[in-house]
Amino acid sequence: MTMASAQVKEIKTAVEDAMELPKYKHEDYSPKTTVVYTRHEEEADDLILTLKQGPVALDMEWRFFPFRRPGGGYGHHENRTAVVQIADSSGMILVIQVYSMRRFPVKLQELIENPTIPKIGVNILNDGKKLFRDYGILAANLVELGAIALVADPAGKPGGQRKIVSLAKLVEHYCKKILEKGSERTGNWELVLDQNQLDYAANDPHSSLMVYYEIMKKAEQNNVTVTNLEETYSSSIDKDLAASLIKTTSSFSNQDPLPSMTMQYLRAYHYWHNQNMSLEKMCVELSLKSKGFGQVVDGDLKLKPGTVITYIINALKKIWKLVQQDISSWTRHREWIVQMWKKQNSLDLNPILDK
């Protein structure tokens, strides 16, 4: 038998074996799964609070439209993320249709941005990038299943040496089941979901979590210690990566207290943005001491530069918080926001991004 014919036989055997595998259904697993579908922001926030502590699986769906490029070949246009799915170890699967909401749910954003909670998935960094472009979310601790498999199960190699392996291939390898990817994948995720879409949406994050557990078992069998997932095998949308994404800017933790918008903040912002005033001159113009208020020490009538910068930062924080409260406003104004972010040739605005 030649090498070529041996390879053909091997592929044929693999296909035949796959055809005999059962379909993946989250209902077949224990603990019993509960799928909850919501189109309401407040309900979504309440549901997030019911999740069990520990790693969760994260997946997303959105609508896209293929098109033919003028020079040949095909591309596709993506609408913003329509559905976010979360699965936890208790069997809870949340299908949250954010497309129908006025703003991205606060507690869901906090979960995705929480650096202490691993979010498991496939090609998950790209999902994080899309969440930033669509909603200004700074996703943290995104764990790539294929990358963990390379370390925990080096002999298995479901994707060879690739760190990003399709979920269907991982499910077939570790769960011995077929994860179907039918017409639902390219369907309309922006309307009320039907049962087929809900099944599809639930299976993806649930299977990711089951693959993760199987990989952890392999790690134990192989005496491989997989620790500090968030540091070694995960990635995040940090401020530098966010700055490189298409005309978008940072979001803020909803746990940060909002500063009061005093007249000083407004004046500082006006001087900086509209009048292009130097930092040194702003220190004089914004000082109340120069107008006869407060105690003057050693004849110094100026504010400290750090104080002026804080005024501007507090004004910008309020603006960006406001924009994130309405999904359409984030999309409409994000180009302007990033221009404001990058306008720091004379001012250091990095504290805005350093939470």
Protein backbone atom coordinates (compact mmCIF):
# COMPACT_ATOMS: atom_id res chain seq x y z
CA MET A 1 0.00 0.00 0.00
CA THR A 2 1.39 3.40 -0.98
CA MET A 3 1.61 6.30 1.47
CA ALA A 4 -1.08 8.18 -0.46
CA SER A 5 -3.53 5.27 -0.36
CA ALA A 6 -2.83 4.77 3.34
CA GLN A 7 -3.70 8.41 4.01
CA VAL A 8 -6.91 8.08 1.99
CA LYS A 9 -7.86 4.99 3.98
CA GLU A 10 -7.13 6.76 7.24
CA ILE A 11 -9.32 9.71 6.28
CA LYS A 12 -12.11 7.39 5.12
CA THR A 13 -11.98 5.48 8.40
CA ALA A 14 -12.12 8.72 10.39
CA VAL A 15 -15.16 9.89 8.41
CA GLU A 16 -16.95 6.57 8.90
CA ASP A 17 -16.22 6.63 12.62
CA ALA A 18 -17.54 10.17 12.87
CA MET A 19 -20.77 9.19 11.08
CA GLU A 20 -21.42 6.62 13.79
CA LEU A 21 -21.02 9.08 16.66
CA PRO A 22 -24.17 10.42 18.36
CA LYS A 23 -25.19 14.06 18.07
CA TYR A 24 -24.22 16.38 20.89
CA LYS A 25 -27.19 17.40 23.04
CA HIS A 26 -26.76 19.32 26.27
CA GLU A 27 -29.82 17.51 27.67
CA ASP A 28 -27.85 14.25 27.76
CA TYR A 29 -25.48 15.51 30.44
CA SER A 30 -25.50 15.73 34.21
CA PRO A 31 -26.13 17.96 36.06
CA LYS A 32 -29.41 18.53 34.27
CA THR A 33 -29.25 21.62 32.12
CA THR A 34 -31.54 24.61 32.36
CA VAL A 35 -31.70 26.94 29.36
CA VAL A 36 -32.98 30.43 30.07
CA TYR A 37 -33.60 32.84 27.20
CA THR A 38 -34.05 36.54 27.84
CA ARG A 39 -34.42 39.69 25.77
CA HIS A 40 -34.55 42.04 28.78
CA GLU A 41 -31.61 43.83 30.38
CA GLU A 42 -32.87 43.72 33.97
CA GLU A 43 -33.68 40.01 33.77
CA ALA A 44 -30.27 39.32 32.26
CA ASP A 45 -28.57 41.05 35.19
CA ASP A 46 -30.59 39.00 37.68
CA LEU A 47 -29.73 35.76 35.85
CA ILE A 48 -25.99 36.50 35.86
CA LEU A 49 -26.14 36.65 39.66
CA THR A 50 -27.45 33.05 39.75
CA LEU A 51 -24.38 31.60 38.02
CA LYS A 52 -22.15 29.27 40.00
CA GLN A 53 -18.68 30.55 40.82
CA GLY A 54 -15.84 29.25 38.71
CA PRO A 55 -14.99 29.07 35.00
CA VAL A 56 -17.83 29.74 32.58
CA ALA A 57 -18.12 29.10 28.85
CA LEU A 58 -18.72 32.12 26.63
CA ASP A 59 -20.09 32.12 23.10
CA MET A 60 -21.70 34.66 20.79
CA GLU A 61 -23.91 34.79 17.71
CA TRP A 62 -24.46 37.54 15.18
CA ARG A 63 -25.95 38.01 11.74
CA PHE A 64 -23.68 38.29 8.71
CA PHE A 65 -24.17 38.85 5.01
CA PRO A 66 -21.82 37.33 2.39
CA PHE A 67 -20.92 39.46 -0.62
CA ARG A 68 -18.74 39.15 -3.70
CA ARG A 69 -15.69 41.41 -3.87
CA PRO A 70 -15.27 43.52 -7.03
CA GLY A 71 -11.83 42.03 -7.67
CA GLY A 72 -12.99 38.46 -7.08
CA GLY A 73 -13.49 36.30 -4.03
CA TYR A 74 -16.02 36.67 -1.25
CA GLY A 75 -16.27 38.55 2.01
CA HIS A 76 -18.99 39.15 4.56
CA HIS A 77 -20.48 42.05 6.46
CA GLU A 78 -21.09 41.51 10.18
CA ASN A 79 -23.89 43.09 12.17
CA ARG A 80 -23.18 43.73 15.85
CA THR A 81 -23.33 40.85 18.31
CA ALA A 82 -26.94 39.76 18.76
CA VAL A 83 -26.72 36.93 21.32
CA VAL A 84 -24.32 36.17 24.17
CA GLN A 85 -24.40 32.69 25.73
CA ILE A 86 -22.99 31.75 29.14
CA ALA A 87 -22.81 28.23 30.62
CA ASP A 88 -21.70 27.34 34.15
CA SER A 89 -20.86 24.11 35.97
CA SER A 90 -24.32 23.79 37.54
CA GLY A 91 -26.00 23.19 34.17
CA MET A 92 -27.30 26.75 33.80
CA ILE A 93 -27.15 28.03 30.22
CA LEU A 94 -28.08 31.66 29.64
CA VAL A 95 -29.03 32.81 26.15
CA ILE A 96 -29.04 36.61 26.32
CA GLN A 97 -30.27 38.45 23.25
CA VAL A 98 -28.47 41.76 23.73
CA TYR A 99 -29.52 42.99 20.28
CA SER A 100 -33.02 43.70 21.58
CA MET A 101 -31.76 45.73 24.56
CA ARG A 102 -31.14 49.44 24.91
CA ARG A 103 -27.77 48.85 26.56
CA PHE A 104 -25.48 45.94 27.30
CA PRO A 105 -26.47 44.35 30.65
CA VAL A 106 -24.32 45.74 33.46
CA LYS A 107 -23.78 42.44 35.30
CA LEU A 108 -22.97 40.61 32.07
CA GLN A 109 -20.37 43.26 31.28
CA GLU A 110 -18.89 42.91 34.76
CA LEU A 111 -18.65 39.14 34.31
CA ILE A 112 -16.93 39.42 30.93
CA GLU A 113 -14.53 42.09 32.21
CA ASN A 114 -13.75 40.26 35.48
CA PRO A 115 -10.09 39.14 35.33
CA THR A 116 -10.57 36.50 38.05
CA ILE A 117 -13.22 34.47 36.17
CA PRO A 118 -11.96 32.36 33.23
CA LYS A 119 -14.20 32.57 30.16
CA ILE A 120 -13.76 29.36 28.13
CA GLY A 121 -14.21 29.19 24.38
CA VAL A 122 -12.85 28.68 20.87
CA ASN A 123 -11.28 31.58 18.96
CA ILE A 124 -12.39 33.50 22.00
CA LEU A 125 -9.99 36.41 21.64
CA ASN A 126 -11.71 37.35 18.39
CA ASP A 127 -15.02 37.24 20.24
CA GLY A 128 -13.52 39.62 22.79
CA LYS A 129 -12.40 41.97 20.03
CA LYS A 130 -15.89 41.97 18.53
CA LEU A 131 -17.45 42.72 21.91
CA PHE A 132 -15.18 45.73 22.16
CA ARG A 133 -16.02 46.98 18.67
CA ASP A 134 -19.74 46.44 19.20
CA TYR A 135 -20.22 47.51 22.80
CA GLY A 136 -16.96 48.86 24.23
CA ILE A 137 -16.49 45.82 26.49
CA LEU A 138 -12.93 45.13 27.71
CA ALA A 139 -13.09 41.34 28.03
CA ALA A 140 -10.60 39.73 30.40
CA ASN A 141 -9.32 36.20 31.07
CA LEU A 142 -10.41 34.65 27.77
CA VAL A 143 -9.21 31.03 27.75
CA GLU A 144 -8.61 29.29 24.42
CA LEU A 145 -9.54 25.59 24.60
CA GLY A 146 -7.07 24.51 21.93
CA ALA A 147 -4.18 26.21 23.72
CA ILE A 148 -4.94 24.32 26.94
CA ALA A 149 -5.26 21.03 25.05
CA LEU A 150 -1.74 21.41 23.65
CA VAL A 151 -0.35 21.58 27.17
CA ALA A 152 -2.67 19.22 29.05
CA ASP A 153 -2.99 16.55 26.34
CA PRO A 154 0.12 16.76 24.13
CA ALA A 155 -0.40 13.25 22.75
CA GLY A 156 -4.01 13.89 21.76
CA LYS A 157 -3.38 16.73 19.33
CA PRO A 158 -6.94 17.14 17.99
CA GLY A 159 -5.72 20.12 16.02
CA GLY A 160 -2.09 19.18 15.48
CA GLN A 161 0.06 22.01 16.82
CA ARG A 162 -2.61 24.66 16.30
CA LYS A 163 -3.79 26.60 19.35
CA ILE A 164 -7.14 27.42 17.75
CA VAL A 165 -9.11 24.27 16.95
CA SER A 166 -12.76 24.22 15.86
CA LEU A 167 -15.25 23.42 18.59
CA ALA A 168 -16.78 20.64 16.45
CA LYS A 169 -13.39 18.93 16.20
CA LEU A 170 -12.75 19.28 19.95
CA VAL A 171 -16.19 17.88 20.78
CA GLU A 172 -15.65 14.93 18.47
CA HIS A 173 -12.23 14.22 19.97
CA TYR A 174 -12.99 14.65 23.67
CA CYS A 175 -16.73 14.01 23.95
CA LYS A 176 -17.03 11.45 21.14
CA LYS A 177 -20.05 13.24 19.72
CA ILE A 178 -20.95 15.32 16.67
CA LEU A 179 -21.65 19.01 17.26
CA GLU A 180 -23.92 19.93 14.39
CA LYS A 181 -23.44 23.26 12.65
CA GLY A 182 -26.55 23.59 10.53
CA SER A 183 -28.37 26.48 8.91
CA GLU A 184 -28.98 28.11 12.29
CA ARG A 185 -25.40 29.39 12.30
CA THR A 186 -26.12 31.72 9.39
CA GLY A 187 -29.67 32.56 10.44
CA ASN A 188 -31.18 35.76 11.76
CA TRP A 189 -30.15 36.08 15.43
CA GLU A 190 -31.75 39.51 15.80
CA LEU A 191 -35.42 38.40 15.83
CA VAL A 192 -37.10 36.33 18.55
CA LEU A 193 -35.25 33.00 18.58
CA ASP A 194 -37.03 29.77 17.68
CA GLN A 195 -36.42 26.41 19.35
CA ASN A 196 -33.82 25.27 16.82
CA GLN A 197 -31.82 28.43 17.40
CA LEU A 198 -32.09 28.04 21.17
CA ASP A 199 -30.83 24.46 20.96
CA TYR A 200 -27.92 25.56 18.79
CA ALA A 201 -27.13 28.50 21.07
CA ALA A 202 -27.20 26.30 24.18
CA ASN A 203 -25.11 23.44 22.79
CA ASP A 204 -22.11 25.60 21.90
CA PRO A 205 -21.19 26.98 25.35
CA HIS A 206 -22.24 23.79 27.12
CA SER A 207 -20.02 21.66 24.88
CA SER A 208 -17.12 24.08 25.41
CA LEU A 209 -17.39 23.53 29.14
CA MET A 210 -17.61 19.74 28.74
CA VAL A 211 -14.51 19.77 26.51
CA TYR A 212 -12.74 21.86 29.14
CA TYR A 213 -13.52 19.27 31.84
CA GLU A 214 -12.29 16.42 29.60
CA ILE A 215 -9.06 18.30 28.95
CA MET A 216 -8.61 18.78 32.71
CA LYS A 217 -9.04 15.01 33.17
CA LYS A 218 -6.35 14.41 30.54
CA ALA A 219 -4.08 16.82 32.37
CA GLU A 220 -4.52 14.84 35.59
CA GLN A 221 -3.86 11.54 33.80
CA ASN A 222 -0.73 12.98 32.19
CA ASN A 223 0.48 14.51 35.47
CA VAL A 224 0.31 17.94 33.87
CA THR A 225 -0.44 20.80 36.26
CA VAL A 226 -2.60 23.40 34.57
CA THR A 227 -2.69 26.33 36.96
CA ASN A 228 -3.10 30.08 36.77
CA LEU A 229 -5.26 29.88 33.66
CA GLU A 230 -5.81 33.63 33.55
CA GLU A 231 -2.05 34.24 33.43
CA THR A 232 -0.72 31.42 31.26
CA TYR A 233 -3.39 30.31 28.81
CA SER A 234 -5.71 33.28 28.46
CA SER A 235 -5.79 36.69 26.84
CA SER A 236 -7.58 39.96 27.44
CA ILE A 237 -8.61 43.08 25.58
CA ASP A 238 -6.23 45.45 27.31
CA LYS A 239 -5.83 49.15 26.56
CA ASP A 240 -3.08 48.63 23.98
CA LEU A 241 -5.04 46.02 22.03
CA ALA A 242 -8.20 48.12 22.30
CA ALA A 243 -6.35 51.10 20.81
CA SER A 244 -5.50 49.04 17.72
CA LEU A 245 -9.09 48.01 17.01
CA ILE A 246 -11.17 49.79 14.41
CA LYS A 247 -11.94 53.29 15.61
CA THR A 248 -13.11 52.32 19.04
CA THR A 249 -12.20 53.21 22.59
CA SER A 250 -12.25 51.92 26.12
CA SER A 251 -15.09 51.16 28.48
CA PHE A 252 -15.11 51.55 32.22
CA SER A 253 -15.95 49.21 35.04
CA ASN A 254 -19.48 49.77 36.24
CA GLN A 255 -18.15 49.46 39.76
CA ASP A 256 -16.25 52.74 39.41
CA PRO A 257 -18.07 55.61 41.14
CA LEU A 258 -19.07 58.40 38.78
CA PRO A 259 -17.47 61.74 39.61
CA SER A 260 -19.81 64.69 39.90
CA MET A 261 -19.75 66.89 36.80
CA THR A 262 -18.69 70.16 38.39
CA MET A 263 -18.16 73.38 36.48
CA GLN A 264 -14.41 72.92 36.94
CA TYR A 265 -14.52 69.63 35.02
CA LEU A 266 -16.48 71.29 32.23
CA ARG A 267 -14.17 74.28 32.08
CA ALA A 268 -11.08 72.04 32.00
CA TYR A 269 -12.54 69.97 29.19
CA HIS A 270 -13.51 73.12 27.26
CA TYR A 271 -10.05 74.65 27.58
CA TRP A 272 -8.35 71.40 26.52
CA HIS A 273 -10.60 70.29 23.68
CA ASN A 274 -12.11 73.45 22.25
CA GLN A 275 -9.40 76.03 22.93
CA ASN A 276 -6.37 73.73 22.72
CA MET A 277 -4.99 75.51 25.76
CA SER A 278 -1.61 74.46 27.12
CA LEU A 279 -1.45 72.53 30.36
CA GLU A 280 0.54 75.31 32.00
CA LYS A 281 -2.04 77.96 31.12
CA MET A 282 -4.90 75.72 32.28
CA CYS A 283 -3.19 75.42 35.66
CA VAL A 284 -3.52 79.20 36.00
CA GLU A 285 -6.97 79.66 34.46
CA LEU A 286 -8.60 76.93 36.52
CA SER A 287 -7.08 77.98 39.83
CA LEU A 288 -9.48 79.62 42.26
CA LYS A 289 -6.50 80.97 44.17
CA SER A 290 -5.78 83.39 41.33
CA LYS A 291 -9.31 84.75 41.80
CA GLY A 292 -8.91 85.42 45.49
CA PHE A 293 -10.25 82.12 46.89
CA GLY A 294 -8.33 79.71 49.11
CA GLN A 295 -4.99 79.95 50.83
CA VAL A 296 -1.95 81.00 48.79
CA VAL A 297 1.30 79.28 49.83
CA ASP A 298 4.61 80.88 48.82
CA GLY A 299 2.89 82.99 46.21
CA ASP A 300 1.84 79.94 44.16
CA LEU A 301 -1.48 80.71 42.44
CA LYS A 302 -1.49 77.76 40.05
CA LEU A 303 -3.12 74.34 40.25
CA LYS A 304 -0.92 71.29 40.02
CA PRO A 305 -0.84 69.71 36.52
CA GLY A 306 -2.14 66.42 37.94
CA THR A 307 -5.22 68.20 39.29
CA VAL A 308 -6.05 69.68 35.88
CA ILE A 309 -5.58 66.33 34.17
CA THR A 310 -7.90 64.72 36.73
CA TYR A 311 -10.57 67.32 35.92
CA ILE A 312 -10.42 66.40 32.22
CA ILE A 313 -10.38 62.68 32.92
CA ASN A 314 -13.44 62.96 35.14
CA ALA A 315 -15.28 64.84 32.39
CA LEU A 316 -14.35 62.19 29.80
CA LYS A 317 -15.32 59.34 32.11
CA LYS A 318 -18.77 60.82 32.45
CA ILE A 319 -19.10 61.20 28.68
CA TRP A 320 -18.03 57.61 27.95
CA LYS A 321 -20.25 56.24 30.71
CA LEU A 322 -23.16 58.10 29.15
CA VAL A 323 -22.46 56.77 25.65
CA GLN A 324 -22.30 53.16 26.87
CA GLN A 325 -25.79 53.44 28.32
CA ASP A 326 -27.26 53.34 24.82
CA ILE A 327 -26.07 50.71 22.33
CA SER A 328 -26.81 52.74 19.20
CA SER A 329 -24.97 55.75 20.66
CA TRP A 330 -21.81 53.68 21.17
CA THR A 331 -21.84 52.71 17.50
CA ARG A 332 -22.66 56.25 16.36
CA HIS A 333 -20.06 58.11 18.43
CA ARG A 334 -17.17 55.69 18.88
CA GLU A 335 -15.06 57.31 16.13
CA TRP A 336 -15.30 60.66 17.93
CA ILE A 337 -14.54 59.02 21.26
CA VAL A 338 -11.35 57.39 20.03
CA GLN A 339 -10.22 60.69 18.55
CA MET A 340 -10.66 62.21 22.00
CA TRP A 341 -8.75 59.31 23.52
CA LYS A 342 -5.84 59.68 21.14
CA LYS A 343 -5.66 63.45 21.58
CA GLN A 344 -3.07 63.17 24.29
CA ASN A 345 0.01 64.67 22.67
CA SER A 346 0.30 67.17 25.51
CA LEU A 347 -1.72 65.42 28.22
CA ASP A 348 -1.26 61.96 29.71
CA LEU A 349 -4.72 60.39 29.67
CA ASN A 350 -3.55 56.85 30.40
CA PRO A 351 -5.16 56.95 33.87
CA ILE A 352 -8.50 56.78 32.04
CA LEU A 353 -7.67 53.25 30.96
CA ASP A 354 -5.87 52.07 34.07
CA LYS A 355 -8.60 50.77 36.30
